[in-house]
Amino acid sequence: MTSIMFTYTEENYLKAIYHLTEGDTASVSTNAIAEAVDTRPASVTDMLRKLAAKDLIHYIKYQGVSLTDSGQAIALQVIRKHRLWETFLVEKLKFQWDQVHEVAEQLEHIQSPLLIERLDELLGYPQFDPHGDPIPDQRGRIQATPRLPLNEAPHHQPLTVEGVRETSPLFLQYLDKLAITIGARVQVLDRVEFDQSLEISIEARPSQIVSREVGENIYVSVDS
């Protein structure tokens, strides 16, 4: 399977289905895939037929889509390349974490296993990318890390920022203004019942209010 070449579009579909199902066996709708890849449902249906013919997905019309083992393996390799390239761009080329996603979207389709092996070695075999997402290893294995959204974290306990769910440049730039980065220490001081916004402290600075949406998109771990 590793010697078979897949198109840019095929890889993007497999990656999108993986993200929509979070690597689970649950199925996802055609409309959800269309939204994720920004195209019409009719175009999605045509591609799903092609992927099913290659035994990369399980697809029955009107019953949803899920990845086969082969499809998931390809999706994980694309994700691995994407996250390694993001790490390279930040660590070696000094990009900001809000600048790397679009570039990595292009680099993730390079078909050279040796290049990716050398890239991984150069970076010191990182386990997480600049956004805190785990990097699959060569076999597609992912190291699970206990973490939860900030808005579900216990109050008045030391927390460490482990990652972000939203990676749009505007959101990451906003976090930079708040001094919220991977590894930052935070505490939830209070929750506003009216709109579920949070009062938090960041690295022992004066407290500030963040919205519920912000809290939903920051992952933290509870310090032991």
Protein backbone atom coordinates (compact mmCIF):
# COMPACT_ATOMS: atom_id res chain seq x y z
CA MET A 1 0.00 0.00 0.00
CA THR A 2 2.84 2.40 0.77
CA SER A 3 3.96 2.31 -2.87
CA ILE A 4 0.55 3.38 -4.19
CA MET A 5 0.24 7.06 -5.02
CA PHE A 6 -2.92 8.94 -4.06
CA THR A 7 -4.02 12.30 -5.37
CA TYR A 8 -4.01 15.53 -3.41
CA THR A 9 -7.82 15.47 -3.38
CA GLU A 10 -8.06 11.85 -2.24
CA GLU A 11 -5.70 12.52 0.64
CA ASN A 12 -7.66 15.61 1.66
CA TYR A 13 -10.91 13.64 1.73
CA LEU A 14 -9.42 10.85 3.83
CA LYS A 15 -7.93 13.37 6.24
CA ALA A 16 -11.25 15.23 6.50
CA ILE A 17 -13.17 12.03 7.23
CA TYR A 18 -10.63 11.08 9.88
CA HIS A 19 -10.96 14.45 11.62
CA LEU A 20 -14.76 14.35 11.42
CA THR A 21 -14.86 10.92 13.07
CA GLU A 22 -11.91 11.62 15.40
CA GLY A 23 -10.34 8.35 14.31
CA ASP A 24 -13.40 6.44 15.57
CA THR A 25 -15.47 3.89 13.67
CA ALA A 26 -18.48 6.21 13.65
CA SER A 27 -19.77 7.26 10.24
CA VAL A 28 -20.07 10.81 8.94
CA SER A 29 -22.57 12.32 6.53
CA THR A 30 -21.91 13.46 2.98
CA ASN A 31 -23.00 17.00 3.90
CA ALA A 32 -20.48 17.15 6.75
CA ILE A 33 -17.71 16.07 4.38
CA ALA A 34 -18.81 18.64 1.80
CA GLU A 35 -18.56 21.39 4.41
CA ALA A 36 -15.16 20.17 5.59
CA VAL A 37 -13.63 20.13 2.10
CA ASP A 38 -15.60 23.17 0.91
CA THR A 39 -17.35 21.67 -2.08
CA ARG A 40 -20.81 20.58 -3.27
CA PRO A 41 -22.41 17.37 -1.93
CA ALA A 42 -22.71 16.06 -5.49
CA SER A 43 -18.95 16.33 -5.96
CA VAL A 44 -18.42 14.58 -2.63
CA THR A 45 -20.59 11.67 -3.74
CA ASP A 46 -18.46 11.16 -6.86
CA MET A 47 -15.26 11.11 -4.83
CA LEU A 48 -16.72 8.75 -2.22
CA ARG A 49 -17.50 6.25 -4.94
CA LYS A 50 -13.87 6.39 -6.11
CA LEU A 51 -12.54 5.97 -2.57
CA ALA A 52 -14.89 3.07 -1.92
CA ALA A 53 -13.74 1.38 -5.14
CA LYS A 54 -10.16 1.58 -3.81
CA ASP A 55 -11.27 0.05 -0.48
CA LEU A 56 -10.35 3.22 1.42
CA ILE A 57 -13.80 3.91 2.88
CA HIS A 58 -16.99 2.12 3.79
CA TYR A 59 -19.74 3.92 1.91
CA ILE A 60 -23.41 3.10 1.51
CA LYS A 61 -25.57 5.89 0.11
CA TYR A 62 -27.67 7.64 2.78
CA GLN A 63 -25.96 5.62 5.54
CA GLY A 64 -22.79 7.62 6.09
CA VAL A 65 -19.07 7.11 5.52
CA SER A 66 -16.27 5.63 7.61
CA LEU A 67 -12.64 4.81 6.88
CA THR A 68 -11.34 1.32 6.24
CA ASP A 69 -8.08 0.33 7.93
CA SER A 70 -6.23 1.25 4.73
CA GLY A 71 -7.98 4.60 4.51
CA GLN A 72 -7.22 5.43 8.12
CA ALA A 73 -3.56 4.51 7.66
CA ILE A 74 -3.26 6.94 4.74
CA ALA A 75 -5.08 9.69 6.63
CA LEU A 76 -2.75 9.30 9.60
CA GLN A 77 0.32 9.55 7.39
CA VAL A 78 -0.97 12.78 5.84
CA ILE A 79 -1.66 14.15 9.33
CA ARG A 80 1.82 13.05 10.43
CA LYS A 81 3.43 14.96 7.57
CA HIS A 82 1.28 18.02 8.19
CA ARG A 83 2.20 18.22 11.87
CA LEU A 84 5.88 17.55 11.28
CA TRP A 85 6.00 20.33 8.68
CA GLU A 86 4.23 22.72 11.07
CA THR A 87 6.83 21.88 13.71
CA PHE A 88 9.66 22.44 11.23
CA LEU A 89 8.26 25.79 10.13
CA VAL A 90 8.00 27.05 13.72
CA GLU A 91 11.19 25.56 15.16
CA LYS A 92 13.58 25.90 12.24
CA LEU A 93 12.19 28.69 10.06
CA LYS A 94 10.78 30.79 12.93
CA PHE A 95 7.21 31.05 11.63
CA GLN A 96 4.55 31.99 14.17
CA TRP A 97 2.03 29.31 15.10
CA ASP A 98 -0.73 31.24 13.31
CA GLN A 99 1.24 31.23 10.02
CA VAL A 100 1.97 27.56 9.43
CA HIS A 101 -1.31 25.79 8.66
CA GLU A 102 -1.74 26.86 5.04
CA VAL A 103 1.91 26.15 4.20
CA ALA A 104 1.75 22.72 5.83
CA GLU A 105 -1.44 21.99 3.84
CA GLN A 106 0.73 22.11 0.72
CA LEU A 107 3.77 20.30 2.11
CA GLU A 108 1.75 17.40 3.55
CA HIS A 109 1.25 15.94 0.06
CA ILE A 110 4.95 15.45 -0.70
CA GLN A 111 5.41 11.76 -1.55
CA SER A 112 8.81 10.93 -0.07
CA PRO A 113 8.90 8.63 2.98
CA LEU A 114 12.66 9.11 3.26
CA LEU A 115 12.25 12.89 3.42
CA ILE A 116 9.70 12.58 6.22
CA GLU A 117 11.96 10.17 8.13
CA ARG A 118 14.84 12.65 7.86
CA LEU A 119 12.55 15.51 8.85
CA ASP A 120 11.40 13.62 11.95
CA GLU A 121 15.03 12.88 12.86
CA LEU A 122 16.08 16.51 12.33
CA LEU A 123 13.34 17.68 14.69
CA GLY A 124 14.30 15.17 17.38
CA TYR A 125 11.21 12.95 16.95
CA PRO A 126 8.68 15.42 18.38
CA GLN A 127 5.47 14.02 19.84
CA PHE A 128 3.38 17.20 19.49
CA ASP A 129 3.10 19.98 16.94
CA PRO A 130 3.08 23.74 17.72
CA HIS A 131 -0.68 23.63 18.40
CA GLY A 132 -0.37 20.78 20.88
CA ASP A 133 -1.72 18.12 18.52
CA PRO A 134 -0.07 14.69 18.78
CA ILE A 135 2.11 13.65 15.85
CA PRO A 136 1.45 10.08 14.64
CA ASP A 137 4.58 7.93 14.46
CA GLN A 138 5.68 5.99 11.38
CA ARG A 139 3.11 3.30 12.13
CA GLY A 140 0.30 5.79 12.64
CA ARG A 141 0.25 5.40 16.41
CA ILE A 142 -0.77 8.45 18.42
CA GLN A 143 0.20 9.13 22.01
CA ALA A 144 -2.95 9.96 23.93
CA THR A 145 -2.70 12.79 26.44
CA PRO A 146 -5.28 13.41 29.17
CA ARG A 147 -6.73 16.86 28.53
CA LEU A 148 -10.04 18.67 28.66
CA PRO A 149 -11.49 21.97 27.42
CA LEU A 150 -10.72 24.94 29.64
CA ASN A 151 -14.43 25.58 30.26
CA GLU A 152 -14.73 22.09 31.80
CA ALA A 153 -11.67 22.41 34.02
CA PRO A 154 -11.94 22.59 37.82
CA HIS A 155 -11.78 26.03 39.40
CA HIS A 156 -8.84 27.27 41.49
CA GLN A 157 -6.50 24.48 40.39
CA PRO A 158 -3.23 24.89 38.49
CA LEU A 159 -3.70 23.99 34.82
CA THR A 160 -1.32 23.70 31.88
CA VAL A 161 -2.32 24.61 28.33
CA GLU A 162 -1.84 21.47 26.22
CA GLY A 163 -3.36 22.44 22.88
CA VAL A 164 -6.02 24.25 20.91
CA ARG A 165 -8.97 22.92 18.95
CA GLU A 166 -9.41 26.04 16.79
CA THR A 167 -6.31 26.84 14.70
CA SER A 168 -7.48 29.78 12.60
CA PRO A 169 -4.96 32.64 12.44
CA LEU A 170 -7.38 35.09 14.08
CA PHE A 171 -7.94 32.82 17.07
CA LEU A 172 -4.23 32.09 17.53
CA GLN A 173 -3.39 35.79 17.25
CA TYR A 174 -5.97 36.49 19.94
CA LEU A 175 -4.37 33.89 22.21
CA ASP A 176 -1.00 35.55 21.64
CA LYS A 177 -2.47 38.81 22.94
CA LEU A 178 -3.65 36.95 26.04
CA ALA A 179 -0.20 35.31 26.44
CA ILE A 180 -1.86 31.89 26.14
CA THR A 181 0.65 29.52 24.55
CA ILE A 182 1.33 25.80 24.74
CA GLY A 183 2.72 25.10 28.20
CA ALA A 184 1.30 28.27 29.78
CA ARG A 185 0.00 27.95 33.34
CA VAL A 186 -3.57 29.07 33.91
CA GLN A 187 -6.31 28.91 36.52
CA VAL A 188 -10.07 29.25 36.22
CA LEU A 189 -11.18 31.65 38.93
CA ASP A 190 -14.89 31.94 38.20
CA ARG A 191 -17.62 31.28 35.66
CA VAL A 192 -20.16 33.97 34.71
CA GLU A 193 -23.55 32.27 34.83
CA PHE A 194 -25.15 34.72 32.39
CA ASP A 195 -23.07 33.75 29.34
CA GLN A 196 -20.72 31.04 30.65
CA SER A 197 -17.67 33.23 30.10
CA LEU A 198 -14.66 32.53 32.32
CA GLU A 199 -12.54 34.63 34.63
CA ILE A 200 -9.03 33.24 34.37
CA SER A 201 -5.49 34.08 35.44
CA ILE A 202 -2.58 33.39 33.10
CA GLU A 203 0.93 32.88 34.45
CA ALA A 204 -0.04 34.65 37.68
CA ARG A 205 -1.03 37.85 35.82
CA PRO A 206 -4.12 39.86 36.79
CA SER A 207 -7.34 38.05 35.97
CA GLN A 208 -9.27 38.61 32.75
CA ILE A 209 -12.50 37.43 31.15
CA VAL A 210 -12.62 35.13 28.12
CA SER A 211 -15.73 33.97 26.29
CA ARG A 212 -17.27 30.51 26.44
CA GLU A 213 -16.16 29.93 22.85
CA VAL A 214 -12.55 30.64 23.78
CA GLY A 215 -12.82 28.27 26.73
CA GLU A 216 -14.19 25.53 24.48
CA ASN A 217 -11.22 25.83 22.11
CA ILE A 218 -8.35 25.62 24.60
CA TYR A 219 -7.25 22.23 25.94
CA VAL A 220 -5.65 21.98 29.38
CA SER A 221 -4.40 19.32 31.77
CA VAL A 222 -4.79 19.47 35.55
CA ASP A 223 -1.40 19.75 37.24
CA SER A 224 -0.78 17.02 39.76
